[in-house]
PDB file of N, CA and C in Angstrom:
ATOM      1  N   MET A   1      -2.302  18.088  22.816  1.00  0.00           N
ATOM      2  CA  MET A   1      -2.665  19.181  23.698  1.00  0.00           C
ATOM      3  C   MET A   1      -2.590  18.717  25.149  1.00  0.00           C
ATOM      4  N   LYS A   2      -1.973  19.516  25.965  1.00  0.00           N
ATOM      5  CA  LYS A   2      -1.829  19.190  27.379  1.00  0.00           C
ATOM      6  C   LYS A   2      -3.153  19.423  28.103  1.00  0.00           C
ATOM      7  N   ARG A   3      -3.445  18.558  29.051  1.00  0.00           N
ATOM      8  CA  ARG A   3      -4.667  18.653  29.853  1.00  0.00           C
ATOM      9  C   ARG A   3      -4.302  19.021  31.288  1.00  0.00           C
ATOM     10  N   TYR A   4      -5.206  19.723  31.939  1.00  0.00           N
ATOM     11  CA  TYR A   4      -5.035  20.122  33.337  1.00  0.00           C
ATOM     12  C   TYR A   4      -6.291  19.724  34.095  1.00  0.00           C
ATOM     13  N   TYR A   5      -6.121  19.340  35.325  1.00  0.00           N
ATOM     14  CA  TYR A   5      -7.231  18.816  36.116  1.00  0.00           C
ATOM     15  C   TYR A   5      -7.343  19.550  37.439  1.00  0.00           C
ATOM     16  N   VAL A   6      -8.567  19.886  37.796  1.00  0.00           N
ATOM     17  CA  VAL A   6      -8.872  20.339  39.146  1.00  0.00           C
ATOM     18  C   VAL A   6      -9.551  19.156  39.809  1.00  0.00           C
ATOM     19  N   TYR A   7      -9.105  18.841  41.011  1.00  0.00           N
ATOM     20  CA  TYR A   7      -9.614  17.641  41.672  1.00  0.00           C
ATOM     21  C   TYR A   7      -9.920  17.925  43.132  1.00  0.00           C
ATOM     22  N   ILE A   8     -10.800  17.101  43.686  1.00  0.00           N
ATOM     23  CA  ILE A   8     -11.128  17.180  45.109  1.00  0.00           C
ATOM     24  C   ILE A   8     -10.913  15.806  45.711  1.00  0.00           C
ATOM     25  N   LEU A   9     -10.194  15.777  46.826  1.00  0.00           N
ATOM     26  CA  LEU A   9      -9.983  14.550  47.581  1.00  0.00           C
ATOM     27  C   LEU A   9     -10.795  14.615  48.864  1.00  0.00           C
ATOM     28  N   LYS A  10     -11.364  13.491  49.238  1.00  0.00           N
ATOM     29  CA  LYS A  10     -11.975  13.379  50.561  1.00  0.00           C
ATOM     30  C   LYS A  10     -10.937  12.724  51.458  1.00  0.00           C
ATOM     31  N   CYS A  11     -10.627  13.390  52.559  1.00  0.00           N
ATOM     32  CA  CYS A  11      -9.599  12.905  53.476  1.00  0.00           C
ATOM     33  C   CYS A  11     -10.210  12.040  54.571  1.00  0.00           C
ATOM     34  N   SER A  12      -9.367  11.324  55.286  1.00  0.00           N
ATOM     35  CA  SER A  12      -9.835  10.399  56.330  1.00  0.00           C
ATOM     36  C   SER A  12     -10.570  11.104  57.462  1.00  0.00           C
ATOM     37  N   ASP A  13     -10.334  12.402  57.646  1.00  0.00           N
ATOM     38  CA  ASP A  13     -11.045  13.157  58.682  1.00  0.00           C
ATOM     39  C   ASP A  13     -12.312  13.824  58.132  1.00  0.00           C
ATOM     40  N   ASN A  14     -12.715  13.412  56.923  1.00  0.00           N
ATOM     41  CA  ASN A  14     -13.895  13.928  56.217  1.00  0.00           C
ATOM     42  C   ASN A  14     -13.743  15.357  55.711  1.00  0.00           C
ATOM     43  N   SER A  15     -12.552  15.910  55.738  1.00  0.00           N
ATOM     44  CA  SER A  15     -12.319  17.217  55.126  1.00  0.00           C
ATOM     45  C   SER A  15     -12.066  17.005  53.633  1.00  0.00           C
ATOM     46  N   TYR A  16     -12.094  18.099  52.879  1.00  0.00           N
ATOM     47  CA  TYR A  16     -11.835  18.043  51.441  1.00  0.00           C
ATOM     48  C   TYR A  16     -10.574  18.825  51.115  1.00  0.00           C
ATOM     49  N   TYR A  17      -9.813  18.294  50.171  1.00  0.00           N
ATOM     50  CA  TYR A  17      -8.623  18.969  49.665  1.00  0.00           C
ATOM     51  C   TYR A  17      -8.839  19.204  48.178  1.00  0.00           C
ATOM     52  N   THR A  18      -8.622  20.425  47.713  1.00  0.00           N
ATOM     53  CA  THR A  18      -8.762  20.773  46.298  1.00  0.00           C
ATOM     54  C   THR A  18      -7.391  21.090  45.735  1.00  0.00           C
ATOM     55  N   GLY A  19      -7.093  20.536  44.558  1.00  0.00           N
ATOM     56  CA  GLY A  19      -5.802  20.772  43.930  1.00  0.00           C
ATOM     57  C   GLY A  19      -5.910  20.856  42.422  1.00  0.00           C
ATOM     58  N   VAL A  20      -4.796  21.168  41.782  1.00  0.00           N
ATOM     59  CA  VAL A  20      -4.712  21.245  40.325  1.00  0.00           C
ATOM     60  C   VAL A  20      -3.450  20.509  39.899  1.00  0.00           C
ATOM     61  N   THR A  21      -3.517  19.819  38.764  1.00  0.00           N
ATOM     62  CA  THR A  21      -2.378  19.038  38.273  1.00  0.00           C
ATOM     63  C   THR A  21      -2.490  18.846  36.768  1.00  0.00           C
ATOM     64  N   ASN A  22      -1.388  18.446  36.143  1.00  0.00           N
ATOM     65  CA  ASN A  22      -1.445  18.070  34.731  1.00  0.00           C
ATOM     66  C   ASN A  22      -1.341  16.551  34.564  1.00  0.00           C
ATOM     67  N   ASP A  23      -1.248  15.819  35.659  1.00  0.00           N
ATOM     68  CA  ASP A  23      -1.193  14.352  35.617  1.00  0.00           C
ATOM     69  C   ASP A  23      -1.913  13.814  36.852  1.00  0.00           C
ATOM     70  N   ILE A  24      -3.186  13.532  36.701  1.00  0.00           N
ATOM     71  CA  ILE A  24      -4.007  13.175  37.862  1.00  0.00           C
ATOM     72  C   ILE A  24      -3.587  11.849  38.491  1.00  0.00           C
ATOM     73  N   GLU A  25      -3.194  10.886  37.666  1.00  0.00           N
ATOM     74  CA  GLU A  25      -2.781   9.588  38.220  1.00  0.00           C
ATOM     75  C   GLU A  25      -1.507   9.724  39.054  1.00  0.00           C
ATOM     76  N   LYS A  26      -0.536  10.444  38.527  1.00  0.00           N
ATOM     77  CA  LYS A  26       0.720  10.653  39.256  1.00  0.00           C
ATOM     78  C   LYS A  26       0.470  11.443  40.545  1.00  0.00           C
ATOM     79  N   ARG A  27      -0.387  12.457  40.453  1.00  0.00           N
ATOM     80  CA  ARG A  27      -0.680  13.280  41.633  1.00  0.00           C
ATOM     81  C   ARG A  27      -1.394  12.468  42.709  1.00  0.00           C
ATOM     82  N   MET A  28      -2.290  11.571  42.304  1.00  0.00           N
ATOM     83  CA  MET A  28      -2.976  10.708  43.272  1.00  0.00           C
ATOM     84  C   MET A  28      -1.971   9.808  43.988  1.00  0.00           C
ATOM     85  N   GLN A  29      -1.035   9.255  43.256  1.00  0.00           N
ATOM     86  CA  GLN A  29      -0.012   8.407  43.872  1.00  0.00           C
ATOM     87  C   GLN A  29       0.825   9.204  44.869  1.00  0.00           C
ATOM     88  N   TYR A  30       1.089  10.456  44.544  1.00  0.00           N
ATOM     89  CA  TYR A  30       1.827  11.353  45.436  1.00  0.00           C
ATOM     90  C   TYR A  30       1.070  11.522  46.752  1.00  0.00           C
ATOM     91  N   HIS A  31      -0.236  11.773  46.665  1.00  0.00           N
ATOM     92  CA  HIS A  31      -1.055  11.936  47.872  1.00  0.00           C
ATOM     93  C   HIS A  31      -1.148  10.628  48.655  1.00  0.00           C
ATOM     94  N   ILE A  32      -1.365   9.535  47.966  1.00  0.00           N
ATOM     95  CA  ILE A  32      -1.527   8.228  48.622  1.00  0.00           C
ATOM     96  C   ILE A  32      -0.246   7.819  49.347  1.00  0.00           C
ATOM     97  N   ALA A  33       0.894   8.054  48.698  1.00  0.00           N
ATOM     98  CA  ALA A  33       2.181   7.654  49.280  1.00  0.00           C
ATOM     99  C   ALA A  33       2.612   8.566  50.430  1.00  0.00           C
ATOM    100  N   GLY A  34       2.065   9.750  50.502  1.00  0.00           N
ATOM    101  CA  GLY A  34       2.464  10.672  51.565  1.00  0.00           C
ATOM    102  C   GLY A  34       3.887  11.160  51.388  1.00  0.00           C
ATOM    103  N   VAL A  35       4.211  11.605  50.193  1.00  0.00           N
ATOM    104  CA  VAL A  35       5.570  12.026  49.860  1.00  0.00           C
ATOM    105  C   VAL A  35       6.020  13.246  50.671  1.00  0.00           C
ATOM    106  N   ASN A  36       5.115  14.177  50.912  1.00  0.00           N
ATOM    107  CA  ASN A  36       5.483  15.420  51.598  1.00  0.00           C
ATOM    108  C   ASN A  36       4.833  15.482  52.979  1.00  0.00           C
ATOM    109  N   PRO A  37       5.611  15.306  54.038  1.00  0.00           N
ATOM    110  CA  PRO A  37       5.046  15.333  55.393  1.00  0.00           C
ATOM    111  C   PRO A  37       4.436  16.678  55.789  1.00  0.00           C
ATOM    112  N   ASP A  38       4.757  17.746  55.050  1.00  0.00           N
ATOM    113  CA  ASP A  38       4.202  19.067  55.346  1.00  0.00           C
ATOM    114  C   ASP A  38       2.891  19.340  54.610  1.00  0.00           C
ATOM    115  N   SER A  39       2.473  18.417  53.744  1.00  0.00           N
ATOM    116  CA  SER A  39       1.261  18.655  52.956  1.00  0.00           C
ATOM    117  C   SER A  39      -0.001  18.432  53.782  1.00  0.00           C
ATOM    118  N   TYR A  40      -1.077  19.061  53.357  1.00  0.00           N
ATOM    119  CA  TYR A  40      -2.363  18.960  54.059  1.00  0.00           C
ATOM    120  C   TYR A  40      -2.826  17.511  54.165  1.00  0.00           C
ATOM    121  N   THR A  41      -2.649  16.746  53.107  1.00  0.00           N
ATOM    122  CA  THR A  41      -3.195  15.385  53.069  1.00  0.00           C
ATOM    123  C   THR A  41      -2.336  14.356  53.796  1.00  0.00           C
ATOM    124  N   TYR A  42      -1.090  14.701  54.109  1.00  0.00           N
ATOM    125  CA  TYR A  42      -0.170  13.721  54.694  1.00  0.00           C
ATOM    126  C   TYR A  42      -0.752  13.039  55.930  1.00  0.00           C
ATOM    127  N   SER A  43      -1.234  13.814  56.873  1.00  0.00           N
ATOM    128  CA  SER A  43      -1.763  13.245  58.123  1.00  0.00           C
ATOM    129  C   SER A  43      -3.248  12.906  58.028  1.00  0.00           C
ATOM    130  N   ARG A  44      -3.814  13.053  56.826  1.00  0.00           N
ATOM    131  CA  ARG A  44      -5.245  12.801  56.644  1.00  0.00           C
ATOM    132  C   ARG A  44      -5.487  11.645  55.672  1.00  0.00           C
ATOM    133  N   ARG A  45      -4.483  10.808  55.503  1.00  0.00           N
ATOM    134  CA  ARG A  45      -4.617   9.637  54.637  1.00  0.00           C
ATOM    135  C   ARG A  45      -5.354   8.534  55.383  1.00  0.00           C
ATOM    136  N   PRO A  46      -6.028   7.666  54.663  1.00  0.00           N
ATOM    137  CA  PRO A  46      -6.109   7.599  53.201  1.00  0.00           C
ATOM    138  C   PRO A  46      -7.013   8.691  52.633  1.00  0.00           C
ATOM    139  N   VAL A  47      -6.769   8.999  51.370  1.00  0.00           N
ATOM    140  CA  VAL A  47      -7.580   9.973  50.651  1.00  0.00           C
ATOM    141  C   VAL A  47      -8.298   9.269  49.510  1.00  0.00           C
ATOM    142  N   GLU A  48      -9.418   9.861  49.106  1.00  0.00           N
ATOM    143  CA  GLU A  48     -10.220   9.292  48.020  1.00  0.00           C
ATOM    144  C   GLU A  48     -10.524  10.396  47.016  1.00  0.00           C
ATOM    145  N   LEU A  49     -10.300  10.129  45.735  1.00  0.00           N
ATOM    146  CA  LEU A  49     -10.652  11.082  44.681  1.00  0.00           C
ATOM    147  C   LEU A  49     -12.169  11.078  44.525  1.00  0.00           C
ATOM    148  N   VAL A  50     -12.810  12.220  44.797  1.00  0.00           N
ATOM    149  CA  VAL A  50     -14.270  12.284  44.734  1.00  0.00           C
ATOM    150  C   VAL A  50     -14.771  13.179  43.605  1.00  0.00           C
ATOM    151  N   PHE A  51     -13.872  13.941  42.976  1.00  0.00           N
ATOM    152  CA  PHE A  51     -14.262  14.812  41.865  1.00  0.00           C
ATOM    153  C   PHE A  51     -13.026  15.202  41.088  1.00  0.00           C
ATOM    154  N   HIS A  52     -13.187  15.295  39.773  1.00  0.00           N
ATOM    155  CA  HIS A  52     -12.170  15.938  38.942  1.00  0.00           C
ATOM    156  C   HIS A  52     -12.829  16.443  37.663  1.00  0.00           C
ATOM    157  N   THR A  53     -12.271  17.502  37.136  1.00  0.00           N
ATOM    158  CA  THR A  53     -12.724  18.054  35.865  1.00  0.00           C
ATOM    159  C   THR A  53     -11.501  18.494  35.079  1.00  0.00           C
ATOM    160  N   GLU A  54     -11.640  18.509  33.774  1.00  0.00           N
ATOM    161  CA  GLU A  54     -10.505  18.707  32.877  1.00  0.00           C
ATOM    162  C   GLU A  54     -10.563  20.076  32.200  1.00  0.00           C
ATOM    163  N   PHE A  55      -9.392  20.662  31.993  1.00  0.00           N
ATOM    164  CA  PHE A  55      -9.252  21.940  31.297  1.00  0.00           C
ATOM    165  C   PHE A  55      -8.163  21.816  30.239  1.00  0.00           C
ATOM    166  N   ASN A  56      -8.294  22.591  29.166  1.00  0.00           N
ATOM    167  CA  ASN A  56      -7.248  22.671  28.152  1.00  0.00           C
ATOM    168  C   ASN A  56      -6.265  23.795  28.455  1.00  0.00           C
ATOM    169  N   ASP A  57      -6.677  24.736  29.292  1.00  0.00           N
ATOM    170  CA  ASP A  57      -5.868  25.910  29.594  1.00  0.00           C
ATOM    171  C   ASP A  57      -5.488  25.923  31.075  1.00  0.00           C
ATOM    172  N   VAL A  58      -4.214  26.016  31.363  1.00  0.00           N
ATOM    173  CA  VAL A  58      -3.736  25.980  32.746  1.00  0.00           C
ATOM    174  C   VAL A  58      -4.286  27.143  33.567  1.00  0.00           C
ATOM    175  N   ASN A  59      -4.409  28.317  32.953  1.00  0.00           N
ATOM    176  CA  ASN A  59      -4.913  29.476  33.695  1.00  0.00           C
ATOM    177  C   ASN A  59      -6.363  29.290  34.118  1.00  0.00           C
ATOM    178  N   GLN A  60      -7.178  28.712  33.243  1.00  0.00           N
ATOM    179  CA  GLN A  60      -8.569  28.431  33.606  1.00  0.00           C
ATOM    180  C   GLN A  60      -8.624  27.422  34.744  1.00  0.00           C
ATOM    181  N   ALA A  61      -7.759  26.425  34.694  1.00  0.00           N
ATOM    182  CA  ALA A  61      -7.722  25.414  35.758  1.00  0.00           C
ATOM    183  C   ALA A  61      -7.347  26.052  37.093  1.00  0.00           C
ATOM    184  N   ILE A  62      -6.361  26.921  37.085  1.00  0.00           N
ATOM    185  CA  ILE A  62      -5.922  27.577  38.321  1.00  0.00           C
ATOM    186  C   ILE A  62      -7.015  28.479  38.880  1.00  0.00           C
ATOM    187  N   VAL A  63      -7.694  29.227  38.006  1.00  0.00           N
ATOM    188  CA  VAL A  63      -8.787  30.095  38.458  1.00  0.00           C
ATOM    189  C   VAL A  63      -9.897  29.253  39.080  1.00  0.00           C
ATOM    190  N   PHE A  64     -10.242  28.134  38.433  1.00  0.00           N
ATOM    191  CA  PHE A  64     -11.311  27.288  38.971  1.00  0.00           C
ATOM    192  C   PHE A  64     -10.888  26.652  40.297  1.00  0.00           C
ATOM    193  N   GLU A  65      -9.637  26.208  40.392  1.00  0.00           N
ATOM    194  CA  GLU A  65      -9.147  25.640  41.651  1.00  0.00           C
ATOM    195  C   GLU A  65      -9.283  26.655  42.790  1.00  0.00           C
ATOM    196  N   LYS A  66      -8.853  27.885  42.546  1.00  0.00           N
ATOM    197  CA  LYS A  66      -8.950  28.925  43.579  1.00  0.00           C
ATOM    198  C   LYS A  66     -10.403  29.198  43.946  1.00  0.00           C
ATOM    199  N   GLN A  67     -11.265  29.186  42.944  1.00  0.00           N
ATOM    200  CA  GLN A  67     -12.686  29.410  43.195  1.00  0.00           C
ATOM    201  C   GLN A  67     -13.247  28.308  44.088  1.00  0.00           C
ATOM    202  N   VAL A  68     -12.969  27.049  43.741  1.00  0.00           N
ATOM    203  CA  VAL A  68     -13.488  25.916  44.510  1.00  0.00           C
ATOM    204  C   VAL A  68     -12.926  25.926  45.930  1.00  0.00           C
ATOM    205  N   LYS A  69     -11.662  26.273  46.083  1.00  0.00           N
ATOM    206  CA  LYS A  69     -11.067  26.334  47.426  1.00  0.00           C
ATOM    207  C   LYS A  69     -11.815  27.301  48.334  1.00  0.00           C
ATOM    208  N   GLY A  70     -12.434  28.317  47.756  1.00  0.00           N
ATOM    209  CA  GLY A  70     -13.189  29.285  48.532  1.00  0.00           C
ATOM    210  C   GLY A  70     -14.642  28.901  48.773  1.00  0.00           C
ATOM    211  N   TRP A  71     -15.066  27.798  48.196  1.00  0.00           N
ATOM    212  CA  TRP A  71     -16.464  27.373  48.306  1.00  0.00           C
ATOM    213  C   TRP A  71     -16.752  26.698  49.634  1.00  0.00           C
ATOM    214  N   SER A  72     -18.012  26.711  49.974  1.00  0.00           N
ATOM    215  CA  SER A  72     -18.491  25.987  51.153  1.00  0.00           C
ATOM    216  C   SER A  72     -18.450  24.482  50.880  1.00  0.00           C
ATOM    217  N   ARG A  73     -18.531  23.724  51.926  1.00  0.00           N
ATOM    218  CA  ARG A  73     -18.602  22.265  51.813  1.00  0.00           C
ATOM    219  C   ARG A  73     -19.799  21.842  50.953  1.00  0.00           C
ATOM    220  N   LYS A  74     -20.946  22.514  51.140  1.00  0.00           N
ATOM    221  CA  LYS A  74     -22.155  22.162  50.386  1.00  0.00           C
ATOM    222  C   LYS A  74     -21.973  22.396  48.890  1.00  0.00           C
ATOM    223  N   LYS A  75     -21.301  23.473  48.512  1.00  0.00           N
ATOM    224  CA  LYS A  75     -21.056  23.728  47.090  1.00  0.00           C
ATOM    225  C   LYS A  75     -20.130  22.667  46.504  1.00  0.00           C
ATOM    226  N   LYS A  76     -19.090  22.303  47.245  1.00  0.00           N
ATOM    227  CA  LYS A  76     -18.185  21.253  46.768  1.00  0.00           C
ATOM    228  C   LYS A  76     -18.936  19.938  46.603  1.00  0.00           C
ATOM    229  N   GLU A  77     -19.793  19.618  47.558  1.00  0.00           N
ATOM    230  CA  GLU A  77     -20.552  18.370  47.476  1.00  0.00           C
ATOM    231  C   GLU A  77     -21.552  18.401  46.327  1.00  0.00           C
ATOM    232  N   ALA A  78     -22.066  19.572  45.987  1.00  0.00           N
ATOM    233  CA  ALA A  78     -22.978  19.680  44.844  1.00  0.00           C
ATOM    234  C   ALA A  78     -22.267  19.292  43.550  1.00  0.00           C
ATOM    235  N   ILE A  79     -21.046  19.790  43.330  1.00  0.00           N
ATOM    236  CA  ILE A  79     -20.359  19.422  42.088  1.00  0.00           C
ATOM    237  C   ILE A  79     -19.890  17.971  42.119  1.00  0.00           C
ATOM    238  N   MET A  80     -19.560  17.461  43.296  1.00  0.00           N
ATOM    239  CA  MET A  80     -19.185  16.043  43.409  1.00  0.00           C
ATOM    240  C   MET A  80     -20.342  15.143  42.985  1.00  0.00           C
ATOM    241  N   ASN A  81     -21.557  15.592  43.293  1.00  0.00           N
ATOM    242  CA  ASN A  81     -22.759  14.824  42.968  1.00  0.00           C
ATOM    243  C   ASN A  81     -23.366  15.232  41.632  1.00  0.00           C
ATOM    244  N   ASP A  82     -22.611  15.991  40.829  1.00  0.00           N
ATOM    245  CA  ASP A  82     -23.055  16.459  39.515  1.00  0.00           C
ATOM    246  C   ASP A  82     -24.376  17.230  39.616  1.00  0.00           C
ATOM    247  N   GLU A  83     -24.479  18.046  40.660  1.00  0.00           N
ATOM    248  CA  GLU A  83     -25.673  18.861  40.891  1.00  0.00           C
ATOM    249  C   GLU A  83     -25.328  20.345  40.719  1.00  0.00           C
ATOM    250  N   TRP A  84     -24.800  20.665  39.542  1.00  0.00           N
ATOM    251  CA  TRP A  84     -24.345  22.015  39.234  1.00  0.00           C
ATOM    252  C   TRP A  84     -25.468  23.036  39.361  1.00  0.00           C
ATOM    253  N   GLU A  85     -26.693  22.595  39.113  1.00  0.00           N
ATOM    254  CA  GLU A  85     -27.827  23.515  39.172  1.00  0.00           C
ATOM    255  C   GLU A  85     -28.056  24.071  40.579  1.00  0.00           C
ATOM    256  N   LYS A  86     -27.506  23.440  41.595  1.00  0.00           N
ATOM    257  CA  LYS A  86     -27.659  23.909  42.977  1.00  0.00           C
ATOM    258  C   LYS A  86     -26.711  25.061  43.324  1.00  0.00           C
ATOM    259  N   LEU A  87     -25.693  25.273  42.516  1.00  0.00           N
ATOM    260  CA  LEU A  87     -24.675  26.272  42.856  1.00  0.00           C
ATOM    261  C   LEU A  87     -25.224  27.682  43.065  1.00  0.00           C
ATOM    262  N   PRO A  88     -26.105  28.182  42.203  1.00  0.00           N
ATOM    263  CA  PRO A  88     -26.588  29.557  42.432  1.00  0.00           C
ATOM    264  C   PRO A  88     -27.269  29.733  43.789  1.00  0.00           C
ATOM    265  N   ASN A  89     -28.034  28.756  44.205  1.00  0.00           N
ATOM    266  CA  ASN A  89     -28.726  28.866  45.491  1.00  0.00           C
ATOM    267  C   ASN A  89     -27.779  28.702  46.673  1.00  0.00           C
ATOM    268  N   LEU A  90     -26.648  28.062  46.455  1.00  0.00           N
ATOM    269  CA  LEU A  90     -25.671  27.871  47.525  1.00  0.00           C
ATOM    270  C   LEU A  90     -24.657  29.013  47.596  1.00  0.00           C
ATOM    271  N   SER A  91     -24.718  29.909  46.629  1.00  0.00           N
ATOM    272  CA  SER A  91     -23.772  31.023  46.587  1.00  0.00           C
ATOM    273  C   SER A  91     -24.116  32.071  47.623  1.00  0.00           C
ATOM    274  N   LYS A  92     -23.100  32.563  48.298  1.00  0.00           N
ATOM    275  CA  LYS A  92     -23.282  33.649  49.259  1.00  0.00           C
ATOM    276  C   LYS A  92     -23.510  34.960  48.519  1.00  0.00           C
ATOM    277  N   GLU A  93     -22.840  35.102  47.376  1.00  0.00           N
ATOM    278  CA  GLU A  93     -22.981  36.288  46.552  1.00  0.00           C
ATOM    279  C   GLU A  93     -23.341  35.834  45.155  1.00  0.00           C
ATOM    280  N   LYS A  94     -24.136  36.605  44.480  1.00  0.00           N
ATOM    281  CA  LYS A  94     -24.544  36.271  43.121  1.00  0.00           C
ATOM    282  C   LYS A  94     -23.526  36.854  42.142  1.00  0.00           C
ATOM    283  N   SER A  95     -22.372  36.215  42.054  1.00  0.00           N
ATOM    284  CA  SER A  95     -21.314  36.661  41.164  1.00  0.00           C
ATOM    285  C   SER A  95     -20.540  35.453  40.681  1.00  0.00           C
ATOM    286  N   ARG A  96     -19.667  35.681  39.727  1.00  0.00           N
ATOM    287  CA  ARG A  96     -18.803  34.616  39.242  1.00  0.00           C
ATOM    288  C   ARG A  96     -17.453  35.214  38.885  1.00  0.00           C
ATOM    289  N   ILE A  97     -16.475  34.365  38.684  1.00  0.00           N
ATOM    290  CA  ILE A  97     -15.157  34.805  38.248  1.00  0.00           C
ATOM    291  C   ILE A  97     -15.016  34.416  36.787  1.00  0.00           C
ATOM    292  N   ASP A  98     -14.733  35.401  35.918  1.00  0.00           N
ATOM    293  CA  ASP A  98     -14.567  35.058  34.507  1.00  0.00           C
ATOM    294  C   ASP A  98     -13.154  34.538  34.271  1.00  0.00           C
ATOM    295  N   ASP A  99     -12.859  34.171  33.016  1.00  0.00           N
ATOM    296  CA  ASP A  99     -11.570  33.531  32.753  1.00  0.00           C
ATOM    297  C   ASP A  99     -10.384  34.493  32.834  1.00  0.00           C
ATOM    298  N   THR A 100     -10.613  35.760  33.094  1.00  0.00           N
ATOM    299  CA  THR A 100      -9.497  36.675  33.343  1.00  0.00           C
ATOM    300  C   THR A 100      -9.252  36.840  34.833  1.00  0.00           C
ATOM    301  N   GLY A 101     -10.133  36.234  35.653  1.00  0.00           N
ATOM    302  CA  GLY A 101     -10.001  36.333  37.093  1.00  0.00           C
ATOM    303  C   GLY A 101     -10.804  37.473  37.699  1.00  0.00           C
ATOM    304  N   LEU A 102     -11.550  38.204  36.855  1.00  0.00           N
ATOM    305  CA  LEU A 102     -12.360  39.315  37.354  1.00  0.00           C
ATOM    306  C   LEU A 102     -13.702  38.816  37.862  1.00  0.00           C
ATOM    307  N   VAL A 103     -14.207  39.429  38.908  1.00  0.00           N
ATOM    308  CA  VAL A 103     -15.523  39.078  39.441  1.00  0.00           C
ATOM    309  C   VAL A 103     -16.572  39.797  38.606  1.00  0.00           C
ATOM    310  N   ILE A 104     -17.538  39.028  38.100  1.00  0.00           N
ATOM    311  CA  ILE A 104     -18.613  39.561  37.273  1.00  0.00           C
ATOM    312  C   ILE A 104     -19.926  39.354  38.010  1.00  0.00           C
ATOM    313  N   LEU A 105     -20.670  40.438  38.239  1.00  0.00           N
ATOM    314  CA  LEU A 105     -21.984  40.294  38.856  1.00  0.00           C
ATOM    315  C   LEU A 105     -22.925  39.683  37.833  1.00  0.00           C
ATOM    316  N   ARG A 106     -23.840  38.866  38.305  1.00  0.00           N
ATOM    317  CA  ARG A 106     -24.758  38.191  37.392  1.00  0.00           C
ATOM    318  C   ARG A 106     -26.142  38.140  37.997  1.00  0.00           C
ATOM    319  N   GLU A 107     -27.094  37.806  37.174  1.00  0.00           N
ATOM    320  CA  GLU A 107     -28.462  37.635  37.632  1.00  0.00           C
ATOM    321  C   GLU A 107     -28.568  36.326  38.398  1.00  0.00           C
ATOM    322  N   PRO A 108     -29.443  36.245  39.416  1.00  0.00           N
ATOM    323  CA  PRO A 108     -29.558  35.026  40.229  1.00  0.00           C
ATOM    324  C   PRO A 108     -29.910  33.778  39.430  1.00  0.00           C
ATOM    325  N   ASP A 109     -30.596  33.935  38.293  1.00  0.00           N
ATOM    326  CA  ASP A 109     -31.008  32.759  37.525  1.00  0.00           C
ATOM    327  C   ASP A 109     -29.924  32.241  36.590  1.00  0.00           C
ATOM    328  N   ASP A 110     -28.841  32.996  36.406  1.00  0.00           N
ATOM    329  CA  ASP A 110     -27.762  32.539  35.536  1.00  0.00           C
ATOM    330  C   ASP A 110     -27.049  31.358  36.172  1.00  0.00           C
ATOM    331  N   ILE A 111     -26.772  30.350  35.375  1.00  0.00           N
ATOM    332  CA  ILE A 111     -26.011  29.196  35.855  1.00  0.00           C
ATOM    333  C   ILE A 111     -24.729  29.133  35.043  1.00  0.00           C
ATOM    334  N   ILE A 112     -23.615  29.093  35.710  1.00  0.00           N
ATOM    335  CA  ILE A 112     -22.317  29.047  35.056  1.00  0.00           C
ATOM    336  C   ILE A 112     -21.839  27.599  35.062  1.00  0.00           C
ATOM    337  N   LEU A 113     -21.725  27.009  33.881  1.00  0.00           N
ATOM    338  CA  LEU A 113     -21.231  25.640  33.771  1.00  0.00           C
ATOM    339  C   LEU A 113     -19.881  25.662  33.087  1.00  0.00           C
ATOM    340  N   ILE A 114     -19.001  24.763  33.510  1.00  0.00           N
ATOM    341  CA  ILE A 114     -17.699  24.683  32.850  1.00  0.00           C
ATOM    342  C   ILE A 114     -17.617  23.389  32.076  1.00  0.00           C
TER     343      ILE A 114
END
């Protein structure tokens, strides 16, 4: 079964880059080597892998990547520190995206773990 990864890199300017890949080691080498001068990370090297999570389904990985890209710095840092329980309080809106990509309203006490 193929695996897919959503990952977060910390860049040299302290910004975060979120991406998705099916080969995390190869993708890290791509970022480290600076293969694409037009990429976000090219001028922000060195980069450090600070978070990654695995998916069996590419669509779920893409949905989660898009979700994380829209998150605040504090929310990204919460998952980097394995503090998933902080996410509801850091959310601007009390909603989530289900695996079809639809926004589902939820109760404030619900915690969505992947």
